[in-house]
């Protein structure tokens, strides 16, 4: 008789979805589920699947445990790599006044720019990370306001990288982009990401640009880059104004020649929190919107127009291929400090971008140190880093540990502290949890009940 391995489960429409710690999944009928839990005989084909995926086993306990341990190790490979993502917030100043802004400053009379001395020390600390592969990301405010420091960081880091590979990313509204900047970015392999929230009306509502048309100014630069065969990625942030515009949003991305879209829910930090009544929504509203937009994207794929969605791609890699995707928000423990660091314009170092955003709201709990005072080793050894890891290990959290989606998900101590005044989530089934579980409900429904759609989704991540 077979032996049972631990698994979590969820019932839906008299069927069951079960998952185990290494991220394998299986759909069971009510009868099969009952037989499994009672260790009764199971249909041959279903038993074969359960054996292959490690839900049951017939070998020696020690042999099975060793095999599972190796697979679990593979699913957590990101934990074997030191901090790879280093975010340089080169300025707090910005020329936009986005209604959900978490980090910008419109008071241009104040100089909130990173200095060369601070940039040098930040790079030195980043390069203390033992990782052979690093990503340097430039953010703001609007980072192009302090372009000279971006240029300095790229040139200085290359000069002392000692054979390590550094990937450079720019996150910008692009409106200040000039030809000499483009030449430098192309020469040094700097990838470019911007924000497109939808069509002209929606973009201008969400991301106003003083007395200018923010949609026109950003799209003009995207087309300019496209004409030079330079790829631009984009992120979409969903506000209340977006909820009825899913078709317009997708159509805009297709019109701009994008092959991917990242649908991002609002996070209640910064201006978004203060303005929540006007721009916010509940989790159910977002999940409904997400399904509408995903269905529309799939319809476009069926008509020969390729477009994939970012959150969907991350989850699918985990679900279909047990890929240890190193996306900082959806890993356990999360990527705060051990996966990413954020260097603020003034030299303060934070666990992550969200950590420095929370500091803007007056809570500096996730400040790890300063480039003038600390080393990389100091940062890794500090109490805040340890607390970040402990509080985001979802295998040990009461609600998360028994959730069927545990192998694919993550928690954010920064958001937990902002909302519940505790780095451990007080209300597990809160907004963020409902958003991610809602997305996973949609994906598993496709996988179980719509094989034609599942095949399309698979092409996105193969």
Protein backbone atom coordinates (compact mmCIF):
# COMPACT_ATOMS: atom_id res chain seq x y z
CA UNK A 1 0.00 0.00 0.00
CA UNK A 2 1.22 3.49 -0.83
CA UNK A 3 2.16 6.12 1.77
CA UNK A 4 0.89 9.70 1.86
CA UNK A 5 3.07 12.78 1.54
CA UNK A 6 1.88 16.09 3.00
CA UNK A 7 -0.30 18.23 0.72
CA UNK A 8 -2.70 21.18 0.82
CA UNK A 9 -6.05 21.18 -0.94
CA UNK A 10 -8.92 23.33 -2.12
CA UNK A 11 -12.42 22.19 -3.09
CA UNK A 12 -14.23 23.71 -6.04
CA UNK A 13 -17.38 22.43 -7.75
CA UNK A 14 -17.09 19.02 -6.10
CA UNK A 15 -13.52 18.61 -7.39
CA UNK A 16 -10.26 19.12 -5.53
CA UNK A 17 -6.98 20.82 -6.34
CA UNK A 18 -4.06 19.53 -4.30
CA UNK A 19 -0.48 20.86 -4.17
CA UNK A 20 2.67 19.89 -2.29
CA UNK A 21 5.67 21.81 -1.00
CA UNK A 22 7.67 21.47 -4.20
CA UNK A 23 4.88 23.03 -6.27
CA UNK A 24 3.44 19.96 -7.96
CA UNK A 25 -0.34 19.99 -8.46
CA UNK A 26 -3.07 17.49 -9.22
CA UNK A 27 -6.83 17.69 -9.87
CA UNK A 28 -8.94 15.03 -8.16
CA UNK A 29 -12.58 14.06 -8.27
CA UNK A 30 -14.42 13.87 -4.97
CA UNK A 31 -14.17 10.09 -5.12
CA UNK A 32 -10.43 10.11 -5.84
CA UNK A 33 -9.82 12.64 -3.07
CA UNK A 34 -11.76 10.51 -0.59
CA UNK A 35 -9.85 7.39 -1.60
CA UNK A 36 -6.53 9.23 -1.35
CA UNK A 37 -7.12 10.59 2.15
CA UNK A 38 -8.34 7.18 3.33
CA UNK A 39 -5.42 5.44 1.58
CA UNK A 40 -7.79 3.31 -0.47
CA UNK A 41 -7.13 2.03 -3.97
CA UNK A 42 -6.96 4.76 -6.67
CA UNK A 43 -7.50 4.48 -10.41
CA UNK A 44 -4.29 3.35 -12.12
CA UNK A 45 -3.69 6.48 -14.23
CA UNK A 46 -4.39 8.84 -11.34
CA UNK A 47 -2.20 6.77 -9.01
CA UNK A 48 0.63 6.99 -11.55
CA UNK A 49 0.32 10.80 -11.63
CA UNK A 50 0.25 11.04 -7.85
CA UNK A 51 3.38 8.87 -7.61
CA UNK A 52 5.24 10.91 -10.24
CA UNK A 53 4.39 14.18 -8.52
CA UNK A 54 5.28 12.98 -5.02
CA UNK A 55 1.85 13.05 -3.39
CA UNK A 56 2.17 9.36 -2.58
CA UNK A 57 5.15 7.01 -2.53
CA UNK A 58 5.95 3.33 -2.30
CA UNK A 59 9.70 3.46 -1.68
CA UNK A 60 11.68 3.64 1.56
CA UNK A 61 10.95 6.80 3.62
CA UNK A 62 14.59 7.92 3.54
CA UNK A 63 14.89 7.53 -0.23
CA UNK A 64 11.67 9.48 -0.77
CA UNK A 65 12.72 12.23 1.66
CA UNK A 66 16.08 12.67 -0.08
CA UNK A 67 14.40 12.93 -3.48
CA UNK A 68 11.88 15.48 -2.19
CA UNK A 69 14.66 17.47 -0.51
CA UNK A 70 16.55 17.78 -3.81
CA UNK A 71 13.41 18.99 -5.59
CA UNK A 72 12.63 21.45 -2.81
CA UNK A 73 16.19 22.74 -3.01
CA UNK A 74 15.74 23.30 -6.75
CA UNK A 75 12.49 25.20 -6.19
CA UNK A 76 14.33 27.49 -3.75
CA UNK A 77 17.48 28.03 -5.81
CA UNK A 78 17.13 31.80 -5.48
CA UNK A 79 18.12 31.42 -1.81
CA UNK A 80 21.53 30.11 -2.85
CA UNK A 81 22.32 33.36 -4.68
CA UNK A 82 23.42 36.53 -2.82
CA UNK A 83 21.67 39.86 -3.41
CA UNK A 84 21.34 40.32 -7.17
CA UNK A 85 18.99 43.30 -7.62
CA UNK A 86 20.34 46.70 -6.62
CA UNK A 87 17.97 49.65 -7.01
CA UNK A 88 19.53 53.09 -7.25
CA UNK A 89 17.01 55.83 -6.48
CA UNK A 90 19.07 58.53 -8.13
CA UNK A 91 16.54 61.28 -7.43
CA UNK A 92 13.36 61.92 -5.54
CA UNK A 93 12.37 64.72 -7.94
CA UNK A 94 9.81 64.07 -10.66
CA UNK A 95 8.11 65.99 -13.45
CA UNK A 96 4.90 63.90 -13.24
CA UNK A 97 2.27 63.97 -10.49
CA UNK A 98 0.83 60.45 -10.74
CA UNK A 99 -2.30 60.00 -8.65
CA UNK A 100 -0.92 56.81 -7.09
CA UNK A 101 2.68 57.98 -6.67
CA UNK A 102 4.66 56.28 -3.92
CA UNK A 103 7.99 57.96 -4.34
CA UNK A 104 8.07 61.22 -6.28
CA UNK A 105 8.54 64.86 -5.33
CA UNK A 106 7.28 67.82 -7.36
CA UNK A 107 9.10 70.54 -5.43
CA UNK A 108 11.85 71.14 -7.96
CA UNK A 109 13.32 73.95 -5.85
CA UNK A 110 14.79 71.29 -3.56
CA UNK A 111 17.68 69.17 -4.75
CA UNK A 112 16.85 65.57 -3.98
CA UNK A 113 19.51 64.14 -6.29
CA UNK A 114 22.07 61.47 -5.48
CA UNK A 115 25.60 62.85 -5.49
CA UNK A 116 28.60 61.25 -7.18
CA UNK A 117 30.17 60.47 -3.81
CA UNK A 118 27.00 58.70 -2.60
CA UNK A 119 26.68 56.85 -5.92
CA UNK A 120 30.26 55.61 -5.71
CA UNK A 121 29.79 54.25 -2.20
CA UNK A 122 26.48 52.63 -3.15
CA UNK A 123 28.12 50.86 -6.10
CA UNK A 124 30.99 49.73 -3.89
CA UNK A 125 28.51 48.11 -1.48
CA UNK A 126 26.51 46.54 -4.32
CA UNK A 127 29.69 44.98 -5.68
CA UNK A 128 30.48 43.50 -2.28
CA UNK A 129 27.67 41.05 -3.00
CA UNK A 130 29.35 37.74 -3.95
CA UNK A 131 26.88 37.18 -6.79
CA UNK A 132 28.48 36.83 -10.22
CA UNK A 133 25.37 38.23 -11.93
CA UNK A 134 23.93 41.56 -10.79
CA UNK A 135 21.13 43.84 -11.91
CA UNK A 136 21.41 47.60 -11.39
CA UNK A 137 18.05 49.36 -11.71
CA UNK A 138 17.67 53.14 -11.90
CA UNK A 139 14.55 54.65 -10.38
CA UNK A 140 13.20 57.89 -8.98
CA UNK A 141 11.18 60.14 -8.93
CA UNK A 142 12.11 60.46 -12.55
CA UNK A 143 15.67 59.10 -12.85
CA UNK A 144 16.52 60.99 -16.05
CA UNK A 145 16.45 64.20 -14.01
CA UNK A 146 19.79 62.95 -12.65
CA UNK A 147 21.07 61.35 -15.86
CA UNK A 148 24.71 62.23 -15.16
CA UNK A 149 24.68 60.02 -12.06
CA UNK A 150 23.14 57.14 -14.02
CA UNK A 151 25.94 57.52 -16.52
CA UNK A 152 28.52 57.65 -13.75
CA UNK A 153 27.16 54.51 -12.03
CA UNK A 154 27.26 52.54 -15.28
CA UNK A 155 30.79 53.64 -16.17
CA UNK A 156 32.19 53.31 -12.65
CA UNK A 157 30.64 49.89 -11.99
CA UNK A 158 31.94 48.56 -15.31
CA UNK A 159 35.43 49.77 -14.49
CA UNK A 160 35.58 47.83 -11.20
CA UNK A 161 33.25 44.89 -11.92
CA UNK A 162 36.19 42.44 -12.11
CA UNK A 163 34.63 40.12 -14.68
CA UNK A 164 31.15 40.04 -13.16
CA UNK A 165 28.13 40.53 -15.39
CA UNK A 166 25.94 43.55 -14.62
CA UNK A 167 22.59 44.09 -16.30
CA UNK A 168 21.35 47.69 -16.28
CA UNK A 169 17.67 48.70 -16.26
CA UNK A 170 16.10 52.13 -16.46
CA UNK A 171 12.56 52.74 -15.15
CA UNK A 172 11.44 56.09 -16.56
CA UNK A 173 8.50 58.05 -17.94
CA UNK A 174 10.88 58.79 -20.87
CA UNK A 175 9.79 62.41 -21.31
CA UNK A 176 13.30 63.78 -20.67
CA UNK A 177 15.02 61.29 -22.97
CA UNK A 178 17.53 62.85 -25.39
CA UNK A 179 19.56 61.48 -28.28
CA UNK A 180 22.84 61.40 -26.36
CA UNK A 181 21.13 59.43 -23.58
CA UNK A 182 19.77 56.93 -26.10
CA UNK A 183 23.24 56.48 -27.59
CA UNK A 184 24.70 55.83 -24.14
CA UNK A 185 21.97 53.35 -23.19
CA UNK A 186 22.36 51.42 -26.44
CA UNK A 187 26.15 51.35 -26.16
CA UNK A 188 26.00 50.03 -22.60
CA UNK A 189 23.07 47.64 -22.98
CA UNK A 190 20.73 49.51 -20.63
CA UNK A 191 17.22 48.10 -20.97
CA UNK A 192 14.29 50.50 -20.72
CA UNK A 193 10.95 50.16 -18.96
CA UNK A 194 8.18 52.73 -18.75
CA UNK A 195 4.60 53.02 -17.52
CA UNK A 196 1.63 52.85 -19.86
CA UNK A 197 -1.65 52.67 -17.95
CA UNK A 198 -3.89 52.65 -21.02
CA UNK A 199 -5.12 54.92 -23.78
CA UNK A 200 -4.65 58.69 -23.88
CA UNK A 201 -7.57 59.49 -21.57
CA UNK A 202 -6.57 56.97 -18.92
CA UNK A 203 -2.86 57.78 -19.07
CA UNK A 204 -3.51 61.47 -18.59
CA UNK A 205 -5.84 60.82 -15.64
CA UNK A 206 -3.46 58.46 -13.86
CA UNK A 207 -0.18 60.15 -14.76
CA UNK A 208 -0.70 63.93 -15.21
CA UNK A 209 2.23 65.99 -16.48
CA UNK A 210 1.71 69.62 -15.46
CA UNK A 211 0.23 71.44 -18.47
CA UNK A 212 1.40 68.80 -20.97
CA UNK A 213 -0.15 65.66 -22.41
CA UNK A 214 1.69 62.89 -20.57
CA UNK A 215 0.37 60.22 -22.95
CA UNK A 216 1.65 62.04 -26.02
CA UNK A 217 5.04 62.81 -24.49
CA UNK A 218 5.69 59.21 -23.37
CA UNK A 219 4.31 57.53 -26.50
CA UNK A 220 6.35 59.88 -28.69
CA UNK A 221 9.52 58.60 -27.03
CA UNK A 222 8.41 54.95 -27.23
CA UNK A 223 7.90 55.32 -30.99
CA UNK A 224 11.23 57.07 -31.32
CA UNK A 225 12.97 54.16 -29.58
CA UNK A 226 11.01 51.63 -31.62
CA UNK A 227 12.10 53.31 -34.85
CA UNK A 228 15.66 52.61 -33.74
CA UNK A 229 14.84 48.96 -32.98
CA UNK A 230 15.20 49.54 -29.24
CA UNK A 231 12.80 47.43 -27.19
CA UNK A 232 10.77 49.15 -24.47
CA UNK A 233 8.92 47.21 -21.77
CA UNK A 234 5.96 48.70 -19.95
CA UNK A 235 4.03 48.28 -16.71
CA UNK A 236 0.34 49.06 -16.26
CA UNK A 237 -0.90 50.26 -12.87
CA UNK A 238 -4.60 49.72 -12.25
CA UNK A 239 -6.68 52.44 -10.62
CA UNK A 240 -10.42 52.70 -10.19
CA UNK A 241 -10.47 54.55 -13.52
CA UNK A 242 -9.01 51.47 -15.24
CA UNK A 243 -11.64 48.94 -14.23
CA UNK A 244 -14.00 49.51 -17.17
CA UNK A 245 -11.23 50.00 -19.74
CA UNK A 246 -9.69 46.54 -20.11
CA UNK A 247 -10.16 46.47 -23.89
CA UNK A 248 -8.75 49.95 -24.36
CA UNK A 249 -5.70 49.06 -22.25
CA UNK A 250 -4.89 45.90 -24.23
CA UNK A 251 -5.56 47.60 -27.57
CA UNK A 252 -3.16 50.40 -26.62
CA UNK A 253 -0.36 47.94 -25.88
CA UNK A 254 -0.95 46.15 -29.18
CA UNK A 255 -1.01 49.47 -31.04
CA UNK A 256 2.36 50.36 -29.48
CA UNK A 257 3.83 47.05 -30.65
CA UNK A 258 4.33 45.62 -27.15
CA UNK A 259 4.51 41.84 -26.76
CA UNK A 260 3.86 41.84 -23.00
CA UNK A 261 1.85 43.73 -20.43
CA UNK A 262 2.26 43.63 -16.64
CA UNK A 263 -1.06 44.25 -14.87
CA UNK A 264 -0.18 45.69 -11.48
CA UNK A 265 -2.68 46.28 -8.66
CA UNK A 266 -2.35 49.36 -6.49
CA UNK A 267 -0.33 49.10 -3.29
CA UNK A 268 -1.51 51.20 -0.38
CA UNK A 269 1.69 53.16 0.08
CA UNK A 270 2.35 56.88 -0.36
CA UNK A 271 -0.15 58.96 -2.30
CA UNK A 272 -2.11 55.83 -3.27
CA UNK A 273 -3.00 55.28 0.38
CA UNK A 274 -4.00 58.90 0.95
CA UNK A 275 -6.06 58.92 -2.25
CA UNK A 276 -7.56 55.42 -1.88
CA UNK A 277 -11.21 56.56 -1.77
CA UNK A 278 -10.84 58.15 -5.19
CA UNK A 279 -8.60 55.65 -6.97
CA UNK A 280 -8.77 52.40 -4.98
CA UNK A 281 -10.93 49.29 -5.16
CA UNK A 282 -11.39 46.01 -3.33
CA UNK A 283 -9.69 42.76 -4.26
CA UNK A 284 -12.79 41.27 -5.90
CA UNK A 285 -13.02 44.26 -8.24
CA UNK A 286 -9.41 43.86 -9.28
CA UNK A 287 -9.71 40.11 -9.84
CA UNK A 288 -12.80 40.66 -12.01
CA UNK A 289 -10.85 43.24 -14.03
CA UNK A 290 -7.84 40.93 -14.29
CA UNK A 291 -9.97 38.07 -15.66
CA UNK A 292 -11.59 40.36 -18.19
CA UNK A 293 -8.26 41.66 -19.40
CA UNK A 294 -6.70 38.18 -19.45
CA UNK A 295 -9.63 36.73 -21.41
CA UNK A 296 -9.31 39.57 -23.91
CA UNK A 297 -5.56 38.98 -24.26
CA UNK A 298 -6.22 35.27 -24.88
CA UNK A 299 -8.81 36.18 -27.50
CA UNK A 300 -6.19 38.32 -29.26
CA UNK A 301 -3.73 35.40 -29.13
CA UNK A 302 -6.33 33.15 -30.76
CA UNK A 303 -6.55 35.73 -33.54
CA UNK A 304 -2.79 35.58 -34.12
CA UNK A 305 -1.74 38.62 -32.05
CA UNK A 306 0.87 37.66 -29.46
CA UNK A 307 0.67 39.40 -26.11
CA UNK A 308 1.44 37.87 -22.71
CA UNK A 309 0.77 39.09 -19.16
CA UNK A 310 3.49 39.43 -16.53
CA UNK A 311 1.88 38.06 -13.37
CA UNK A 312 0.48 35.17 -15.40
CA UNK A 313 3.96 34.35 -16.73
CA UNK A 314 5.51 34.29 -13.25
CA UNK A 315 2.87 31.96 -11.86
CA UNK A 316 2.84 29.71 -14.93
CA UNK A 317 6.59 29.14 -14.76
CA UNK A 318 6.17 27.97 -11.19
CA UNK A 319 3.04 25.89 -11.82
CA UNK A 320 3.98 24.23 -15.10
CA UNK A 321 7.76 23.91 -14.80
CA UNK A 322 8.55 24.30 -11.08
CA UNK A 323 10.79 27.16 -12.13
CA UNK A 324 12.38 28.97 -9.13
CA UNK A 325 11.37 32.40 -10.45
CA UNK A 326 13.30 35.07 -8.57
CA UNK A 327 10.48 37.62 -8.52
CA UNK A 328 11.01 39.35 -5.19
CA UNK A 329 7.37 39.69 -4.10
CA UNK A 330 6.39 36.11 -4.94
CA UNK A 331 9.06 34.03 -3.24
CA UNK A 332 9.53 32.69 0.27
CA UNK A 333 11.22 34.27 2.04
CA UNK A 334 10.69 37.46 0.07
CA UNK A 335 13.55 39.22 -1.67
CA UNK A 336 13.87 42.07 0.84
CA UNK A 337 17.60 42.62 1.58
CA UNK A 338 18.73 39.08 0.66
CA UNK A 339 17.45 39.43 -2.92
CA UNK A 340 17.39 43.17 -3.46
CA UNK A 341 18.61 46.40 -1.89
CA UNK A 342 17.46 49.96 -2.54
CA UNK A 343 19.95 52.82 -2.26
CA UNK A 344 18.14 56.11 -1.69
CA UNK A 345 19.41 59.41 -3.08
CA UNK A 346 20.71 60.41 0.38
CA UNK A 347 22.67 57.18 0.87
CA UNK A 348 20.18 55.39 3.10
CA UNK A 349 19.86 51.67 2.29
CA UNK A 350 16.50 49.90 2.42
CA UNK A 351 15.38 46.29 2.20
CA UNK A 352 13.51 47.02 -1.02
CA UNK A 353 11.76 49.70 -3.03
CA UNK A 354 8.66 49.33 -0.86
CA UNK A 355 10.80 49.82 2.24
CA UNK A 356 12.00 53.21 1.09
CA UNK A 357 8.43 54.11 0.05
CA UNK A 358 7.23 53.36 3.57
CA UNK A 359 10.00 55.59 4.86
CA UNK A 360 8.53 58.40 2.76
CA UNK A 361 5.35 57.91 4.80
CA UNK A 362 7.32 58.47 8.02
CA UNK A 363 8.15 54.88 8.99
CA UNK A 364 11.82 53.99 8.53
CA UNK A 365 11.56 50.46 9.97
CA UNK A 366 13.08 48.94 6.83
CA UNK A 367 16.11 51.21 6.73
CA UNK A 368 19.15 48.93 6.97
CA UNK A 369 21.89 51.53 7.15
CA UNK A 370 23.70 54.13 5.07
CA UNK A 371 26.41 53.88 2.41
CA UNK A 372 28.63 56.18 4.49
CA UNK A 373 28.44 53.97 7.57
CA UNK A 374 27.86 50.34 6.61
CA UNK A 375 29.19 47.48 4.52
CA UNK A 376 27.31 44.77 2.64
CA UNK A 377 28.15 42.36 5.45
CA UNK A 378 26.68 44.78 8.02
CA UNK A 379 23.46 44.91 6.01
CA UNK A 380 23.16 41.13 5.73
CA UNK A 381 23.85 40.63 9.46
CA UNK A 382 21.49 43.30 10.82
CA UNK A 383 18.34 42.48 12.80
CA UNK A 384 16.04 44.03 10.19
CA UNK A 385 17.29 41.66 7.49
CA UNK A 386 16.72 38.69 9.78
CA UNK A 387 13.23 39.88 10.71
CA UNK A 388 12.43 40.35 7.02
CA UNK A 389 13.32 36.72 6.30
CA UNK A 390 11.48 35.28 9.29
CA UNK A 391 8.27 37.22 8.69
CA UNK A 392 8.09 36.35 4.98
CA UNK A 393 8.73 32.60 5.22
CA UNK A 394 5.19 31.60 4.29
CA UNK A 395 5.79 27.90 5.00
CA UNK A 396 5.78 28.91 8.69
CA UNK A 397 2.87 31.38 8.70
CA UNK A 398 -0.40 30.03 10.15
CA UNK A 399 -2.74 30.71 7.22
CA UNK A 400 -0.23 30.55 4.37
CA UNK A 401 1.26 27.19 5.38
CA UNK A 402 -2.07 25.42 4.79
CA UNK A 403 -3.02 27.31 1.61
CA UNK A 404 -3.14 25.34 -1.63
CA UNK A 405 -1.30 28.21 -3.37
CA UNK A 406 1.56 28.36 -0.86
CA UNK A 407 4.24 27.01 -3.29
CA UNK A 408 3.61 29.84 -5.76
CA UNK A 409 3.01 32.83 -3.51
CA UNK A 410 4.71 35.25 -1.11
CA UNK A 411 4.01 37.89 1.51
CA UNK A 412 5.32 41.45 1.96
CA UNK A 413 6.34 42.49 5.50
CA UNK A 414 6.46 46.14 4.38
CA UNK A 415 2.82 46.14 3.29
CA UNK A 416 1.87 44.13 6.38
CA UNK A 417 3.46 46.76 8.63
CA UNK A 418 1.84 49.63 6.73
CA UNK A 419 -1.64 48.08 6.93
CA UNK A 420 -1.60 46.08 10.18
CA UNK A 421 1.26 47.65 12.17
CA UNK A 422 2.88 44.21 12.25
CA UNK A 423 5.37 42.57 9.90
CA UNK A 424 3.34 39.38 10.27
CA UNK A 425 -0.01 39.70 8.52
CA UNK A 426 -2.79 40.03 11.11
CA UNK A 427 -5.49 39.52 8.51
CA UNK A 428 -4.21 36.77 6.20
CA UNK A 429 -7.16 36.95 3.80
CA UNK A 430 -6.61 40.63 3.14
CA UNK A 431 -6.37 42.61 -0.08
CA UNK A 432 -3.02 41.39 -1.37
CA UNK A 433 -3.73 37.75 -0.52
CA UNK A 434 -7.13 37.88 -2.22
CA UNK A 435 -5.61 39.42 -5.34
CA UNK A 436 -2.99 36.71 -5.76
CA UNK A 437 -5.29 33.82 -4.84
CA UNK A 438 -7.86 35.26 -7.26
CA UNK A 439 -5.31 35.27 -10.09
CA UNK A 440 -4.32 31.69 -9.26
CA UNK A 441 -7.99 30.63 -9.19
CA UNK A 442 -8.29 31.92 -12.75
CA UNK A 443 -5.14 30.17 -13.97
CA UNK A 444 -5.94 26.81 -12.43
CA UNK A 445 -9.45 26.99 -13.86
CA UNK A 446 -7.90 27.46 -17.32
CA UNK A 447 -5.50 24.57 -16.75
CA UNK A 448 -8.22 22.22 -15.51
CA UNK A 449 -11.16 23.13 -17.74
CA UNK A 450 -9.90 24.93 -20.84
CA UNK A 451 -7.10 22.94 -22.52
CA UNK A 452 -7.06 25.22 -25.58
CA UNK A 453 -6.44 28.24 -23.35
CA UNK A 454 -3.88 26.32 -21.29
CA UNK A 455 -1.93 25.59 -24.47
CA UNK A 456 -1.86 29.28 -25.35
CA UNK A 457 -0.66 30.17 -21.85
CA UNK A 458 2.06 27.55 -22.08
CA UNK A 459 3.48 29.21 -25.20
CA UNK A 460 4.00 32.38 -23.15
CA UNK A 461 6.57 30.73 -20.89
CA UNK A 462 8.12 27.93 -22.96
